[in-house]
Protein backbone atom coordinates (compact mmCIF):
# COMPACT_ATOMS: atom_id res chain seq x y z
CA UNK A 1 -53.40 -78.56 32.04
CA UNK A 2 -52.90 -80.97 29.13
CA UNK A 3 -54.48 -80.01 25.83
CA UNK A 4 -55.04 -82.95 23.52
CA UNK A 5 -56.45 -81.61 20.29
CA UNK A 6 -56.03 -84.54 17.92
CA UNK A 7 -57.79 -87.85 17.39
CA UNK A 8 -55.55 -90.59 18.80
CA UNK A 9 -57.12 -93.10 16.44
CA UNK A 10 -56.04 -91.21 13.33
CA UNK A 11 -53.44 -93.24 11.44
CA UNK A 12 -51.71 -92.63 8.13
CA UNK A 13 -49.00 -93.61 5.71
CA UNK A 14 -47.99 -90.19 4.39
CA UNK A 15 -44.67 -89.79 6.18
CA UNK A 16 -42.61 -91.20 9.03
CA UNK A 17 -42.61 -87.59 10.25
CA UNK A 18 -46.29 -88.02 11.16
CA UNK A 19 -45.45 -90.36 14.04
CA UNK A 20 -45.03 -89.03 17.55
CA UNK A 21 -41.91 -89.23 19.71
CA UNK A 22 -40.61 -92.58 20.86
CA UNK A 23 -41.19 -93.02 24.63
CA UNK A 24 -37.48 -93.66 25.23
CA UNK A 25 -36.69 -90.36 23.54
CA UNK A 26 -39.25 -88.55 25.68
CA UNK A 27 -37.65 -90.08 28.77
CA UNK A 28 -34.26 -88.81 27.64
CA UNK A 29 -35.60 -85.28 27.19
CA UNK A 30 -37.17 -85.37 30.64
CA UNK A 31 -33.94 -86.65 32.20
CA UNK A 32 -31.97 -83.81 30.60
CA UNK A 33 -34.45 -81.16 31.68
CA UNK A 34 -33.73 -80.63 35.37
CA UNK A 35 -31.22 -78.08 36.57
CA UNK A 36 -28.92 -75.87 34.53
CA UNK A 37 -26.43 -76.74 31.83
CA UNK A 38 -24.10 -74.52 29.83
CA UNK A 39 -25.69 -73.45 26.55
CA UNK A 40 -24.55 -73.65 22.93
CA UNK A 41 -23.07 -77.12 23.18
CA UNK A 42 -20.82 -76.84 26.23
CA UNK A 43 -23.12 -79.15 28.17
CA UNK A 44 -22.33 -82.67 29.40
CA UNK A 45 -24.83 -84.24 26.99
CA UNK A 46 -23.14 -82.83 23.92
CA UNK A 47 -19.76 -83.85 25.33
CA UNK A 48 -21.07 -87.40 25.73
CA UNK A 49 -22.58 -87.25 22.25
CA UNK A 50 -19.13 -87.00 20.68
CA UNK A 51 -18.08 -90.16 22.51
CA UNK A 52 -21.21 -92.01 21.39
CA UNK A 53 -20.76 -91.09 17.73
CA UNK A 54 -17.10 -92.11 17.92
CA UNK A 55 -18.26 -95.55 19.10
CA UNK A 56 -20.52 -95.91 16.06
CA UNK A 57 -18.52 -94.11 13.35
CA UNK A 58 -14.89 -94.23 14.47
CA UNK A 59 -12.45 -92.12 16.41
CA UNK A 60 -11.86 -88.57 15.22
CA UNK A 61 -15.36 -87.94 13.86
CA UNK A 62 -16.85 -84.52 14.56
CA UNK A 63 -20.52 -84.07 15.46
CA UNK A 64 -22.56 -80.88 15.04
CA UNK A 65 -26.19 -81.15 16.23
CA UNK A 66 -28.66 -79.05 14.22
CA UNK A 67 -32.41 -78.49 14.21
CA UNK A 68 -33.51 -80.28 11.02
CA UNK A 69 -32.51 -82.23 7.94
CA UNK A 70 -32.49 -79.33 5.52
CA UNK A 71 -30.22 -77.46 7.90
CA UNK A 72 -27.92 -80.47 8.18
CA UNK A 73 -27.66 -80.79 4.41
CA UNK A 74 -27.09 -77.09 3.76
CA UNK A 75 -24.55 -76.61 6.53
CA UNK A 76 -22.72 -79.85 5.79
CA UNK A 77 -22.47 -79.21 2.07
CA UNK A 78 -21.44 -75.60 2.58
CA UNK A 79 -18.48 -76.82 4.64
CA UNK A 80 -17.37 -79.04 1.74
CA UNK A 81 -17.75 -76.69 -1.22
CA UNK A 82 -16.06 -73.37 -2.09
CA UNK A 83 -18.19 -70.61 -3.60
CA UNK A 84 -17.32 -71.74 -7.12
CA UNK A 85 -18.16 -75.39 -6.44
CA UNK A 86 -21.15 -77.53 -7.40
CA UNK A 87 -22.85 -80.61 -5.98
CA UNK A 88 -23.88 -83.58 -8.13
CA UNK A 89 -27.02 -85.33 -6.89
CA UNK A 90 -29.88 -87.50 -8.12
CA UNK A 91 -32.73 -85.54 -9.65
CA UNK A 92 -35.04 -86.99 -6.99
CA UNK A 93 -32.70 -86.01 -4.13
CA UNK A 94 -34.28 -84.16 -1.22
CA UNK A 95 -31.81 -81.30 -1.66
CA UNK A 96 -33.07 -80.88 -5.22
CA UNK A 97 -36.82 -81.40 -4.85
CA UNK A 98 -37.95 -80.82 -1.25
CA UNK A 99 -35.86 -78.11 0.35
CA UNK A 100 -37.47 -75.07 -1.27
CA UNK A 101 -34.23 -74.02 -2.93
CA UNK A 102 -32.41 -73.76 0.42
CA UNK A 103 -29.17 -75.31 -0.90
CA UNK A 104 -29.10 -72.69 -3.68
CA UNK A 105 -30.63 -69.67 -1.96
CA UNK A 106 -29.31 -70.12 1.57
CA UNK A 107 -26.27 -72.28 0.95
CA UNK A 108 -25.18 -70.65 -2.30
CA UNK A 109 -24.68 -74.12 -3.78
CA UNK A 110 -25.02 -75.02 -7.45
CA UNK A 111 -26.79 -78.36 -7.82
CA UNK A 112 -26.15 -80.60 -10.82
CA UNK A 113 -29.05 -83.12 -10.79
CA UNK A 114 -28.84 -86.42 -12.66
CA UNK A 115 -31.80 -88.51 -13.80
CA UNK A 116 -31.84 -91.96 -12.18
CA UNK A 117 -34.33 -94.83 -12.47
CA UNK A 118 -34.30 -95.76 -8.77
CA UNK A 119 -32.96 -92.72 -6.92
CA UNK A 120 -29.45 -94.16 -6.81
CA UNK A 121 -26.35 -92.69 -8.40
CA UNK A 122 -23.62 -94.80 -9.99
CA UNK A 123 -20.11 -93.86 -11.13
CA UNK A 124 -21.40 -93.80 -14.71
CA UNK A 125 -24.32 -91.52 -13.85
CA UNK A 126 -22.05 -89.23 -11.83
CA UNK A 127 -19.80 -88.79 -14.87
CA UNK A 128 -22.66 -87.19 -16.77
CA UNK A 129 -21.99 -84.06 -14.69
CA UNK A 130 -18.45 -84.71 -13.43
CA UNK A 131 -16.58 -82.72 -16.02
CA UNK A 132 -15.37 -79.21 -16.83
CA UNK A 133 -12.72 -78.81 -14.16
CA UNK A 134 -10.64 -75.75 -14.87
CA UNK A 135 -13.33 -74.23 -17.10
CA UNK A 136 -14.04 -70.82 -15.59
CA UNK A 137 -17.49 -70.77 -17.20
CA UNK A 138 -18.70 -73.89 -15.37
CA UNK A 139 -19.43 -74.35 -11.68
CA UNK A 140 -16.85 -76.87 -10.58
CA UNK A 141 -18.27 -80.30 -9.63
CA UNK A 142 -16.52 -80.89 -6.31
CA UNK A 143 -19.01 -82.88 -4.22
CA UNK A 144 -21.36 -85.78 -4.87
CA UNK A 145 -24.36 -86.15 -2.56
CA UNK A 146 -26.17 -89.49 -2.22
CA UNK A 147 -29.21 -90.29 -0.09
CA UNK A 148 -29.37 -93.42 2.08
CA UNK A 149 -32.04 -94.70 1.93
CA UNK A 150 -33.11 -92.87 -1.20
CA UNK A 151 -36.22 -90.80 -1.74
CA UNK A 152 -37.58 -93.75 -3.74
CA UNK A 153 -37.19 -96.18 -0.86
CA UNK A 154 -34.18 -97.98 -2.30
CA UNK A 155 -30.93 -98.67 -0.47
CA UNK A 156 -27.32 -98.49 -1.58
CA UNK A 157 -25.24 -101.56 -0.74
CA UNK A 158 -21.91 -101.17 1.01
CA UNK A 159 -20.17 -102.09 -2.24
CA UNK A 160 -22.12 -99.49 -4.24
CA UNK A 161 -21.18 -96.72 -1.81
CA UNK A 162 -17.53 -97.78 -1.81
CA UNK A 163 -17.48 -97.78 -5.62
CA UNK A 164 -18.93 -94.27 -5.67
CA UNK A 165 -16.50 -93.04 -3.01
CA UNK A 166 -13.50 -94.44 -4.86
CA UNK A 167 -14.74 -92.95 -8.14
CA UNK A 168 -15.39 -89.55 -6.57
CA UNK A 169 -12.13 -89.37 -4.64
CA UNK A 170 -10.11 -90.37 -7.69
CA UNK A 171 -11.47 -87.25 -9.38
CA UNK A 172 -10.64 -84.98 -6.48
CA UNK A 173 -14.25 -84.72 -5.32
CA UNK A 174 -15.82 -85.42 -1.92
CA UNK A 175 -18.77 -87.59 -0.93
CA UNK A 176 -21.72 -86.40 1.16
CA UNK A 177 -24.51 -88.64 2.40
CA UNK A 178 -28.00 -87.37 3.22
CA UNK A 179 -28.86 -89.88 5.94
CA UNK A 180 -32.36 -88.75 6.85
CA UNK A 181 -33.22 -92.47 6.94
CA UNK A 182 -29.73 -93.81 7.64
CA UNK A 183 -31.12 -96.02 10.43
CA UNK A 184 -33.50 -97.71 8.00
CA UNK A 185 -30.52 -98.41 5.76
CA UNK A 186 -28.62 -99.99 8.65
CA UNK A 187 -31.62 -102.22 9.37
CA UNK A 188 -31.92 -103.18 5.70
CA UNK A 189 -28.23 -103.93 5.21
CA UNK A 190 -27.72 -105.64 8.56
CA UNK A 191 -24.35 -103.98 9.12
CA UNK A 192 -23.02 -101.36 11.58
CA UNK A 193 -23.51 -97.70 10.69
CA UNK A 194 -19.82 -97.16 10.02
CA UNK A 195 -19.71 -100.04 7.50
CA UNK A 196 -21.55 -98.03 4.83
CA UNK A 197 -20.40 -94.56 5.93
CA UNK A 198 -16.91 -94.12 7.42
CA UNK A 199 -15.50 -97.43 6.19
CA UNK A 200 -17.09 -97.03 2.75
CA UNK A 201 -15.47 -93.64 2.15
CA UNK A 202 -18.24 -91.14 2.96
CA UNK A 203 -16.73 -87.81 3.99
CA UNK A 204 -19.66 -85.98 5.60
CA UNK A 205 -22.97 -87.43 6.80
CA UNK A 206 -26.27 -85.75 7.59
CA UNK A 207 -27.49 -88.05 10.37
CA UNK A 208 -31.26 -88.20 10.65
CA UNK A 209 -33.31 -88.64 13.81
CA UNK A 210 -36.69 -86.99 13.32
CA UNK A 211 -37.99 -89.66 10.93
CA UNK A 212 -36.99 -92.34 13.44
CA UNK A 213 -38.69 -91.25 16.63
CA UNK A 214 -36.99 -88.04 17.72
CA UNK A 215 -38.92 -84.89 18.58
CA UNK A 216 -36.60 -82.76 16.47
CA UNK A 217 -32.93 -82.63 15.62
CA UNK A 218 -30.34 -84.10 13.27
CA UNK A 219 -26.56 -83.91 13.18
CA UNK A 220 -23.82 -83.09 10.70
CA UNK A 221 -21.17 -85.77 11.18
CA UNK A 222 -17.75 -85.09 9.71
CA UNK A 223 -16.25 -88.51 9.08
CA UNK A 224 -13.21 -87.18 7.23
CA UNK A 225 -12.03 -83.95 8.90
CA UNK A 226 -9.94 -83.04 5.84
CA UNK A 227 -13.12 -82.78 3.76
CA UNK A 228 -14.84 -80.05 5.75
CA UNK A 229 -14.03 -76.69 7.27
CA UNK A 230 -15.76 -73.86 9.03
CA UNK A 231 -18.69 -75.84 10.43
CA UNK A 232 -18.40 -74.21 13.83
CA UNK A 233 -19.14 -70.89 12.11
CA UNK A 234 -21.47 -72.09 9.36
CA UNK A 235 -23.88 -73.70 11.82
CA UNK A 236 -24.44 -70.37 13.57
CA UNK A 237 -24.50 -68.40 10.31
CA UNK A 238 -27.25 -70.68 9.03
CA UNK A 239 -29.35 -70.33 12.21
CA UNK A 240 -28.82 -73.99 13.17
CA UNK A 241 -27.00 -73.46 16.48
CA UNK A 242 -29.28 -74.46 19.37
CA UNK A 243 -28.80 -72.54 22.60
CA UNK A 244 -30.30 -75.43 24.61
CA UNK A 245 -28.33 -77.98 22.64
CA UNK A 246 -28.49 -80.56 25.42
CA UNK A 247 -32.02 -81.45 24.32
CA UNK A 248 -30.90 -82.39 20.79
CA UNK A 249 -27.83 -84.21 22.09
CA UNK A 250 -29.81 -86.13 24.70
CA UNK A 251 -32.18 -87.37 22.01
CA UNK A 252 -29.36 -88.49 19.74
CA UNK A 253 -27.67 -90.30 22.63
CA UNK A 254 -30.93 -92.09 23.44
CA UNK A 255 -31.46 -92.99 19.79
CA UNK A 256 -28.08 -94.71 19.63
CA UNK A 257 -28.34 -96.25 23.10
CA UNK A 258 -29.24 -99.92 23.27
CA UNK A 259 -29.76 -99.91 19.49
CA UNK A 260 -33.00 -97.92 19.67
CA UNK A 261 -32.24 -96.48 16.21
CA UNK A 262 -32.03 -100.00 14.82
CA UNK A 263 -35.02 -101.40 16.67
CA UNK A 264 -37.27 -98.57 15.53
CA UNK A 265 -36.06 -98.59 11.93
CA UNK A 266 -36.25 -102.38 11.64
CA UNK A 267 -39.86 -102.27 12.80
CA UNK A 268 -40.75 -99.59 10.25
CA UNK A 269 -39.06 -101.61 7.51
CA UNK A 270 -40.89 -104.75 8.61
CA UNK A 271 -44.24 -102.98 8.43
CA UNK A 272 -43.49 -101.82 4.87
CA UNK A 273 -42.59 -105.40 3.97
CA UNK A 274 -45.84 -106.60 5.53
CA UNK A 275 -47.80 -104.07 3.47
CA UNK A 276 -46.12 -105.04 0.23
CA UNK A 277 -46.40 -108.73 1.01
CA UNK A 278 -50.13 -108.45 1.67
CA UNK A 279 -50.66 -106.60 -1.60
CA UNK A 280 -48.54 -109.07 -3.56
CA UNK A 281 -50.53 -111.95 -2.07
CA UNK A 282 -53.77 -110.25 -3.09
CA UNK A 283 -52.49 -109.67 -6.60
CA UNK A 284 -51.46 -113.32 -6.83
CA UNK A 285 -54.82 -114.69 -5.70
CA UNK A 286 -56.82 -112.18 -7.76
CA UNK A 287 -58.41 -110.34 -4.83
CA UNK A 288 -56.43 -107.20 -5.70
CA UNK A 289 -56.49 -105.92 -9.27
CA UNK A 290 -54.96 -102.87 -10.90
CA UNK A 291 -52.22 -102.35 -8.31
CA UNK A 292 -48.56 -102.34 -9.35
CA UNK A 293 -45.23 -101.43 -7.79
CA UNK A 294 -42.90 -98.79 -9.21
CA UNK A 295 -39.87 -99.36 -6.95
CA UNK A 296 -38.33 -102.11 -4.88
CA UNK A 297 -39.36 -102.00 -1.22
CA UNK A 298 -36.00 -102.00 0.57
CA UNK A 299 -36.74 -99.91 3.65
CA UNK A 300 -39.89 -98.34 5.13
CA UNK A 301 -41.56 -97.03 1.96
CA UNK A 302 -43.81 -98.68 -0.60
CA UNK A 303 -44.20 -97.05 -4.02
CA UNK A 304 -47.24 -98.25 -5.94
CA UNK A 305 -49.53 -97.40 -8.83
CA UNK A 306 -53.31 -97.46 -8.48
CA UNK A 307 -56.28 -97.26 -10.82
CA UNK A 308 -57.52 -93.71 -11.44
CA UNK A 309 -59.58 -92.29 -8.59
CA UNK A 310 -58.70 -94.94 -6.02
CA UNK A 311 -56.04 -92.87 -4.23
CA UNK A 312 -58.41 -89.96 -3.62
CA UNK A 313 -61.11 -92.23 -2.22
CA UNK A 314 -58.64 -94.10 -0.03
CA UNK A 315 -57.29 -90.80 1.31
CA UNK A 316 -60.66 -90.15 2.92
CA UNK A 317 -59.62 -92.79 5.46
CA UNK A 318 -55.81 -92.77 5.45
CA UNK A 319 -53.52 -89.85 4.69
CA UNK A 320 -50.76 -90.48 2.10
CA UNK A 321 -49.18 -88.59 -0.77
CA UNK A 322 -49.14 -88.89 -4.51
CA UNK A 323 -45.61 -89.35 -5.80
CA UNK A 324 -46.36 -88.85 -9.49
CA UNK A 325 -50.01 -88.03 -10.01
CA UNK A 326 -49.64 -88.24 -13.79
CA UNK A 327 -48.91 -91.96 -13.40
CA UNK A 328 -51.25 -92.54 -10.45
CA UNK A 329 -48.15 -93.35 -8.44
CA UNK A 330 -48.36 -93.06 -4.66
CA UNK A 331 -46.00 -93.40 -1.70
CA UNK A 332 -46.88 -95.22 1.53
CA UNK A 333 -44.49 -94.74 4.46
CA UNK A 334 -44.32 -96.77 7.67
CA UNK A 335 -42.86 -95.57 10.96
CA UNK A 336 -41.62 -96.91 14.30
CA UNK A 337 -45.16 -96.94 15.66
CA UNK A 338 -46.97 -98.47 12.67
CA UNK A 339 -48.80 -101.58 13.85
CA UNK A 340 -49.76 -104.79 12.11
CA UNK A 341 -53.38 -103.76 12.63
CA UNK A 342 -52.66 -100.48 10.80
CA UNK A 343 -51.41 -102.49 7.82
CA UNK A 344 -54.31 -104.92 7.87
CA UNK A 345 -56.87 -102.10 8.11
CA UNK A 346 -55.20 -100.21 5.26
CA UNK A 347 -55.11 -103.25 2.98
CA UNK A 348 -58.78 -103.96 3.73
CA UNK A 349 -59.70 -100.36 2.93
CA UNK A 350 -57.74 -100.50 -0.32
CA UNK A 351 -59.48 -103.71 -1.38
CA UNK A 352 -62.81 -102.05 -0.61
CA UNK A 353 -61.98 -99.04 -2.77
CA UNK A 354 -60.72 -101.20 -5.63
CA UNK A 355 -64.04 -103.01 -5.73
CA UNK A 356 -66.15 -99.87 -5.34
């Protein structure tokens, strides 16, 4: 018996996590389901997964499927940092603001957050916390973590990541990338995944899938084996080792097969561009008043400011989150299944609330 408890017509812009599972991913899960396979990663799907990631990121990379993004970040960073080490990150980074203290409490990691205007670190911003080596009173800054795309919807260019990697490595530090939306970045930049990861000097990547059509699952990808150790133990210690790992691996294989990751992310990005474009057109012709933009729209998120009270009224029809309620700043996220009609309906509803 199938139990369908939710309204299929309910649409929203709160998070790309709200979307369901891409049909091609569901097919992959079903195909992996029959019969028996060895547990804990000794299955044929996980074996194939290593080959697939090598095709996209280069020979010698190591792949460790995990349950979720927080787990990927905590486990990956733990493998890069000794107990006395610290991680420099943007103040808005997911590891700093949205992981309930897991990096500190579970991972035992000291975070050194840096204020940024657009969610992106630069060599100059990194140097605000990259100091004090050899001082026994200071947690040693040994890793820099960047997010691609950032929590503010912006994207690092290949050149920006390379500049950070060179800067970090010259100081004896390592570079971690939180790639919860790494596919959206690939779609934005129009380059292969390895161009802004392996080839740009990233050492360890948290590869995201859930925000791009997977049911669950991410992966810690060690791009530079010299930068990480103990992951085979840390994954289990942190309760991120799946017994039926074939179901995570099968999803990741399907995501990378036939460029599904890119097709899905490019669509989500295009829907965000459509939303912003419609609002900008309305602002230009005077049909939309009081709406502004707080960040560039470079992937699948639109950050905007609204007149007081409009967000709450609009949320009666479409779910989305405040980003900074004190500034009436909101975040609208698009996903692989956002439609043009969703955008048009949302814009019409917003115009209605603005004129109410």
